[in-house]
Amino acid sequence: MPTHPLVYILLLNYRGTDDTLACLDSLKQLDYPHYRIIVVDNASPDDSVVRLKARLSALPDSFRLIEAPRNGGFSYGNNLGIQTALAEVGEGEPGFVWLLNNDTTVAPDALSHLVQEAQTTGGIAGSLLLYPDGRYQQAGTRFQWWTGSSKGYAENAVTDGMRVETLTGASMLIPLQAFRVAGLLDESYFLYFEDGEASLRFAWHGFPLTVCARSLVYHKEGATTGRKSRMTQYYFHRNRLRVLFQYASGPQKMTIGLYAAFRLLRSVVKSALSRNPERKISTHIEWLAVSDFWKGISGPCPHNLTQLCP
């Protein structure tokens, strides 16, 4: 494989142009010599496209903008860029896609280290994610396959090149061959846990997942949806169960289902005893999410969560 294979850097924008432009500014400082940047605007209902076109028109041909016809979620938007990369790089030729959240800024050598790691393992490499002030954020996550809970790896446990169960789409370097073998991102998730599902699928097809602790990416986290927004809560509860039931064994599904029911009942009881209206709304959202999971509802949230009242 060439020392510097072509890397497509994908940024997905939805009403986050300020963050996207800041990310683009940091990408100008990359020391990696062979990359192209694709910004996909996911049908933002503001002036994002106008502002992005103004910036991209002043940049080299290696930068381009794709205007999605609709907001189909994280996977849908990124798949538009991935399909472009697959069409431009012939089968058998080396190449990578770097999924990078638009609310990040990167160290100048972040991509160089990722490529080196992925070339060494033949798999998918993730960055060490930090908050903008330099505090540790995460380096991948793992599931407890009998209860269904998920958690990150402790900072003092992270080592360069360590294997992880799942990586986050905030910064994942993925060989194009992985998409050819395992398929694109699953658009039915719409938002959250699609990176976890893809990680498990890539690993099942023989592509190891490792953390490159030398690759530093600073991540605001939740800039588009808000870390505790109603939409975030809904997709987190529903899609966590989706990915677990997709990959868990039969006995694990039974215990995960029982534990999900216990957690929901506990939330209902705490909500009934609480005077906090937001807790009551959160419980209602969890109820809707779990109910929708059991009904097999996927894709965009079918509920108007903004109108929920305690």
Protein backbone atom coordinates (compact mmCIF):
# COMPACT_ATOMS: atom_id res chain seq x y z
CA MET A 1 0.00 0.00 0.00
CA PRO A 2 1.29 3.50 -0.78
CA THR A 3 2.69 5.50 2.11
CA HIS A 4 0.08 8.18 1.57
CA PRO A 5 -3.10 6.63 0.14
CA LEU A 6 -5.94 8.97 -0.78
CA VAL A 7 -8.21 9.89 2.14
CA TYR A 8 -11.70 11.34 1.72
CA ILE A 9 -12.55 13.52 4.73
CA LEU A 10 -16.34 13.67 5.22
CA LEU A 11 -18.01 16.45 7.18
CA LEU A 12 -21.78 16.37 7.66
CA ASN A 13 -23.39 19.76 8.19
CA TYR A 14 -26.87 20.45 9.52
CA ARG A 15 -27.44 23.99 10.77
CA GLY A 16 -23.87 24.00 12.08
CA THR A 17 -21.99 26.14 9.60
CA ASP A 18 -19.91 27.97 12.20
CA ASP A 19 -18.61 24.65 13.50
CA THR A 20 -18.06 23.31 9.98
CA LEU A 21 -16.03 26.36 8.96
CA ALA A 22 -13.92 26.11 12.12
CA CYS A 23 -13.28 22.45 11.35
CA LEU A 24 -12.28 23.29 7.77
CA ASP A 25 -9.84 25.88 9.09
CA SER A 26 -8.17 23.25 11.27
CA LEU A 27 -8.00 20.79 8.37
CA LYS A 28 -5.91 23.32 6.42
CA GLN A 29 -3.11 22.63 8.91
CA LEU A 30 -2.98 18.87 8.28
CA ASP A 31 0.47 17.56 7.49
CA TYR A 32 -0.96 14.63 5.51
CA PRO A 33 -0.36 15.31 1.78
CA HIS A 34 -3.08 13.35 -0.02
CA TYR A 35 -6.70 14.05 0.89
CA ARG A 36 -9.95 15.44 -0.44
CA ILE A 37 -12.66 17.04 1.67
CA ILE A 38 -16.36 16.47 1.05
CA VAL A 39 -18.86 18.57 2.98
CA VAL A 40 -22.39 17.17 2.86
CA ASP A 41 -25.15 19.57 3.84
CA ASN A 42 -28.09 17.55 5.11
CA ALA A 43 -30.80 19.89 3.79
CA SER A 44 -30.20 22.58 6.43
CA PRO A 45 -33.21 24.92 6.69
CA ASP A 46 -31.00 27.99 7.12
CA ASP A 47 -28.33 29.77 5.07
CA SER A 48 -25.77 26.95 5.50
CA VAL A 49 -25.45 26.18 1.79
CA VAL A 50 -24.91 29.81 0.83
CA ARG A 51 -22.21 30.25 3.47
CA LEU A 52 -20.52 26.97 2.64
CA LYS A 53 -20.47 27.74 -1.08
CA ALA A 54 -18.88 31.11 -0.34
CA ARG A 55 -16.10 29.44 1.62
CA LEU A 56 -15.58 26.46 -0.67
CA SER A 57 -15.37 28.62 -3.79
CA ALA A 58 -12.11 30.06 -2.45
CA LEU A 59 -10.61 26.62 -1.74
CA PRO A 60 -8.80 24.19 -4.07
CA ASP A 61 -10.60 21.59 -6.17
CA SER A 62 -9.94 19.00 -3.47
CA PHE A 63 -12.85 20.55 -1.53
CA ARG A 64 -16.43 19.98 -2.62
CA LEU A 65 -19.97 20.41 -1.36
CA ILE A 66 -22.80 17.90 -1.75
CA GLU A 67 -26.32 19.18 -1.15
CA ALA A 68 -28.51 16.38 0.17
CA PRO A 69 -32.10 16.58 -1.12
CA ARG A 70 -33.45 15.81 2.36
CA ASN A 71 -32.31 15.36 5.92
CA GLY A 72 -32.05 11.59 6.06
CA GLY A 73 -29.93 11.47 9.20
CA PHE A 74 -26.26 10.85 9.96
CA SER A 75 -25.83 7.69 7.90
CA TYR A 76 -27.77 8.97 4.89
CA GLY A 77 -25.68 12.13 4.61
CA ASN A 78 -22.36 10.37 5.11
CA ASN A 79 -23.32 7.62 2.67
CA LEU A 80 -23.59 10.25 -0.07
CA GLY A 81 -19.94 11.08 0.50
CA ILE A 82 -18.88 7.45 0.88
CA GLN A 83 -20.56 6.54 -2.40
CA THR A 84 -18.66 9.38 -4.09
CA ALA A 85 -15.37 8.02 -2.76
CA LEU A 86 -16.20 4.47 -3.86
CA ALA A 87 -17.09 5.71 -7.35
CA GLU A 88 -13.83 7.63 -7.72
CA VAL A 89 -11.43 5.02 -6.34
CA GLY A 90 -11.29 1.81 -8.32
CA GLU A 91 -11.81 -1.55 -6.66
CA GLY A 92 -8.49 -2.89 -5.48
CA GLU A 93 -7.00 0.58 -5.17
CA PRO A 94 -6.14 1.78 -1.65
CA GLY A 95 -8.13 4.55 -0.08
CA PHE A 96 -9.84 5.62 3.10
CA VAL A 97 -12.83 7.58 4.35
CA TRP A 98 -12.36 9.68 7.46
CA LEU A 99 -15.72 10.19 9.15
CA LEU A 100 -15.24 13.41 11.09
CA ASN A 101 -17.86 15.34 13.02
CA ASN A 102 -18.22 18.93 11.92
CA ASP A 103 -18.04 20.11 15.55
CA THR A 104 -14.40 19.04 15.84
CA THR A 105 -10.99 20.57 15.32
CA VAL A 106 -7.98 18.38 14.72
CA ALA A 107 -4.29 18.33 15.51
CA PRO A 108 -2.09 18.81 12.40
CA ASP A 109 -0.77 15.24 12.59
CA ALA A 110 -4.10 13.60 13.50
CA LEU A 111 -4.70 12.12 10.05
CA SER A 112 -1.11 10.98 9.52
CA HIS A 113 -1.24 8.93 12.71
CA LEU A 114 -4.65 7.47 11.83
CA VAL A 115 -3.45 6.31 8.41
CA GLN A 116 -0.34 4.74 9.91
CA GLU A 117 -2.47 2.88 12.48
CA ALA A 118 -4.97 1.65 9.89
CA GLN A 119 -2.21 0.49 7.57
CA THR A 120 -0.59 -1.44 10.41
CA THR A 121 -3.79 -3.26 11.46
CA GLY A 122 -5.66 -3.44 8.16
CA GLY A 123 -8.74 -2.21 9.99
CA ILE A 124 -10.54 0.86 11.28
CA ALA A 125 -8.74 3.44 13.41
CA GLY A 126 -10.26 5.96 15.79
CA SER A 127 -8.82 9.09 17.34
CA LEU A 128 -8.41 10.02 20.97
CA LEU A 129 -11.33 12.40 21.50
CA LEU A 130 -10.81 15.36 23.80
CA TYR A 131 -13.04 18.22 24.91
CA PRO A 132 -12.02 21.62 23.51
CA ASP A 133 -10.23 22.40 26.79
CA GLY A 134 -8.09 19.26 26.45
CA ARG A 135 -9.92 17.03 28.95
CA TYR A 136 -10.38 13.39 28.01
CA GLN A 137 -13.72 12.60 26.34
CA GLN A 138 -13.57 9.06 24.98
CA ALA A 139 -11.74 6.50 22.88
CA GLY A 140 -14.50 4.11 21.90
CA THR A 141 -17.26 2.32 23.79
CA ARG A 142 -18.29 -1.19 24.76
CA PHE A 143 -21.54 -2.95 25.64
CA GLN A 144 -22.47 -5.05 28.62
CA TRP A 145 -24.14 -7.78 26.63
CA TRP A 146 -26.30 -9.14 29.47
CA THR A 147 -27.80 -5.87 30.70
CA GLY A 148 -27.57 -3.72 27.56
CA SER A 149 -25.69 -0.87 29.17
CA SER A 150 -22.86 0.86 27.34
CA LYS A 151 -19.85 2.75 28.62
CA GLY A 152 -16.59 4.21 27.44
CA TYR A 153 -13.05 3.20 28.27
CA ALA A 154 -11.43 4.89 31.26
CA GLU A 155 -8.71 7.37 30.38
CA ASN A 156 -6.04 5.50 32.36
CA ALA A 157 -6.92 2.28 30.50
CA VAL A 158 -6.42 3.69 27.00
CA THR A 159 -3.21 2.76 25.25
CA ASP A 160 -2.06 3.49 21.73
CA GLY A 161 -3.21 0.78 19.35
CA MET A 162 -5.59 -0.89 21.82
CA ARG A 163 -8.52 -2.82 20.41
CA VAL A 164 -12.01 -1.57 21.22
CA GLU A 165 -15.48 -2.96 20.66
CA THR A 166 -16.89 0.12 18.92
CA LEU A 167 -15.56 3.45 17.72
CA THR A 168 -17.39 6.75 17.46
CA GLY A 169 -18.31 8.38 14.17
CA ALA A 170 -16.85 11.63 15.49
CA SER A 171 -13.51 10.39 14.12
CA MET A 172 -13.21 7.04 12.34
CA LEU A 173 -10.77 6.25 9.54
CA ILE A 174 -12.31 3.45 7.48
CA PRO A 175 -10.73 1.63 4.50
CA LEU A 176 -12.87 1.80 1.39
CA GLN A 177 -12.51 -1.97 1.22
CA ALA A 178 -14.46 -2.25 4.49
CA PHE A 179 -17.47 -0.60 2.84
CA ARG A 180 -17.12 -2.86 -0.20
CA VAL A 181 -17.11 -5.96 2.01
CA ALA A 182 -19.49 -4.99 4.83
CA GLY A 183 -21.74 -2.37 3.21
CA LEU A 184 -22.50 1.28 3.87
CA LEU A 185 -23.78 2.87 7.08
CA ASP A 186 -27.25 1.73 8.14
CA GLU A 187 -29.62 4.60 7.36
CA SER A 188 -32.49 3.13 9.37
CA TYR A 189 -30.84 4.32 12.61
CA PHE A 190 -31.17 7.96 11.51
CA LEU A 191 -29.20 9.29 14.49
CA TYR A 192 -27.04 7.70 17.22
CA PHE A 193 -25.59 4.19 17.45
CA GLU A 194 -25.18 3.90 13.68
CA ASP A 195 -21.42 4.11 14.29
CA GLY A 196 -21.69 1.36 16.91
CA GLU A 197 -23.64 -0.86 14.53
CA ALA A 198 -21.10 -0.24 11.76
CA SER A 199 -18.22 -0.99 14.15
CA LEU A 200 -19.69 -4.35 15.13
CA ARG A 201 -20.40 -5.19 11.48
CA PHE A 202 -16.89 -4.25 10.35
CA ALA A 203 -15.38 -6.35 13.14
CA TRP A 204 -17.60 -9.29 12.20
CA HIS A 205 -16.22 -9.07 8.66
CA GLY A 206 -12.64 -9.21 9.93
CA PHE A 207 -11.68 -5.53 10.21
CA PRO A 208 -10.19 -4.83 13.67
CA LEU A 209 -11.01 -1.60 15.48
CA THR A 210 -8.21 0.18 17.31
CA VAL A 211 -7.60 3.53 18.98
CA CYS A 212 -4.75 5.70 17.80
CA ALA A 213 -4.01 7.72 20.93
CA ARG A 214 -1.53 9.87 19.00
CA SER A 215 -4.34 11.18 16.80
CA LEU A 216 -5.88 14.04 18.75
CA VAL A 217 -9.33 15.37 17.86
CA TYR A 218 -11.10 18.04 19.89
CA HIS A 219 -14.84 17.44 19.96
CA LYS A 220 -17.58 19.76 21.24
CA GLU A 221 -20.04 16.81 21.42
CA GLY A 222 -23.73 17.27 20.77
CA ALA A 223 -23.37 20.58 18.94
CA THR A 224 -26.15 19.75 16.45
CA THR A 225 -28.73 18.03 18.67
CA GLY A 226 -27.65 18.99 22.18
CA ARG A 227 -26.31 16.39 24.59
CA LYS A 228 -29.54 16.17 26.60
CA SER A 229 -32.08 17.30 24.02
CA ARG A 230 -35.36 15.45 23.67
CA MET A 231 -34.34 14.07 20.29
CA THR A 232 -31.05 12.83 21.71
CA GLN A 233 -32.88 11.01 24.50
CA TYR A 234 -35.32 9.38 22.09
CA TYR A 235 -32.73 8.10 19.62
CA PHE A 236 -30.39 6.99 22.40
CA HIS A 237 -33.00 4.79 24.10
CA ARG A 238 -34.47 3.36 20.88
CA ASN A 239 -31.30 2.76 18.90
CA ARG A 240 -29.31 1.33 21.80
CA LEU A 241 -31.85 -1.48 21.97
CA ARG A 242 -31.82 -1.84 18.18
CA VAL A 243 -28.08 -2.44 17.93
CA LEU A 244 -28.08 -4.74 20.97
CA PHE A 245 -30.85 -6.94 19.62
CA GLN A 246 -29.18 -6.99 16.21
CA TYR A 247 -25.97 -8.55 17.55
CA ALA A 248 -26.81 -10.17 20.90
CA SER A 249 -27.30 -13.91 21.34
CA GLY A 250 -30.71 -15.37 22.15
CA PRO A 251 -30.12 -15.59 25.93
CA GLN A 252 -28.62 -12.09 25.93
CA LYS A 253 -31.68 -10.66 24.19
CA MET A 254 -33.85 -12.11 26.94
CA THR A 255 -31.87 -10.52 29.77
CA ILE A 256 -31.46 -7.23 27.87
CA GLY A 257 -35.22 -7.06 27.33
CA LEU A 258 -35.93 -7.78 30.99
CA TYR A 259 -33.42 -5.18 32.11
CA ALA A 260 -34.86 -2.60 29.68
CA ALA A 261 -38.31 -3.21 31.17
CA PHE A 262 -36.89 -2.83 34.69
CA ARG A 263 -35.16 0.43 33.78
CA LEU A 264 -38.33 1.82 32.23
CA LEU A 265 -40.42 0.84 35.25
CA ARG A 266 -37.86 2.44 37.55
CA SER A 267 -38.03 5.66 35.51
CA VAL A 268 -41.82 5.67 35.70
CA VAL A 269 -41.75 5.27 39.49
CA LYS A 270 -39.13 7.98 39.96
CA SER A 271 -41.09 10.27 37.65
CA ALA A 272 -44.29 9.74 39.60
CA LEU A 273 -42.52 10.69 42.83
CA SER A 274 -40.74 13.67 41.34
CA ARG A 275 -41.90 17.26 41.10
CA ASN A 276 -39.44 17.96 38.29
CA PRO A 277 -41.40 18.44 35.03
CA GLU A 278 -38.36 17.66 32.88
CA ARG A 279 -37.96 14.27 34.57
CA LYS A 280 -41.58 13.47 33.68
CA ILE A 281 -40.95 14.45 30.07
CA SER A 282 -37.75 12.37 29.95
CA THR A 283 -39.68 9.35 31.22
CA HIS A 284 -42.36 9.91 28.58
CA ILE A 285 -39.67 10.06 25.88
CA GLU A 286 -38.06 6.86 27.16
CA TRP A 287 -41.47 5.18 27.09
CA LEU A 288 -42.04 6.28 23.49
CA ALA A 289 -38.55 5.15 22.43
CA VAL A 290 -38.79 1.71 24.00
CA SER A 291 -42.34 1.25 22.70
CA ASP A 292 -41.23 2.21 19.18
CA PHE A 293 -38.37 -0.26 19.38
CA TRP A 294 -40.72 -3.12 20.21
CA LYS A 295 -43.03 -1.99 17.39
CA GLY A 296 -40.10 -2.15 14.95
CA ILE A 297 -40.17 1.59 14.19
CA SER A 298 -36.93 2.90 12.73
CA GLY A 299 -35.80 5.97 10.81
CA PRO A 300 -36.82 9.49 11.88
CA CYS A 301 -38.62 9.96 15.18
CA PRO A 302 -42.37 9.90 14.41
CA HIS A 303 -43.30 12.04 17.43
CA ASN A 304 -43.37 15.79 17.92
CA LEU A 305 -41.31 15.83 21.10
CA THR A 306 -41.30 19.62 21.36
CA GLN A 307 -44.99 19.57 22.25
CA LEU A 308 -44.65 17.12 25.13
CA CYS A 309 -45.87 18.43 28.45
CA PRO A 310 -45.37 16.87 31.90
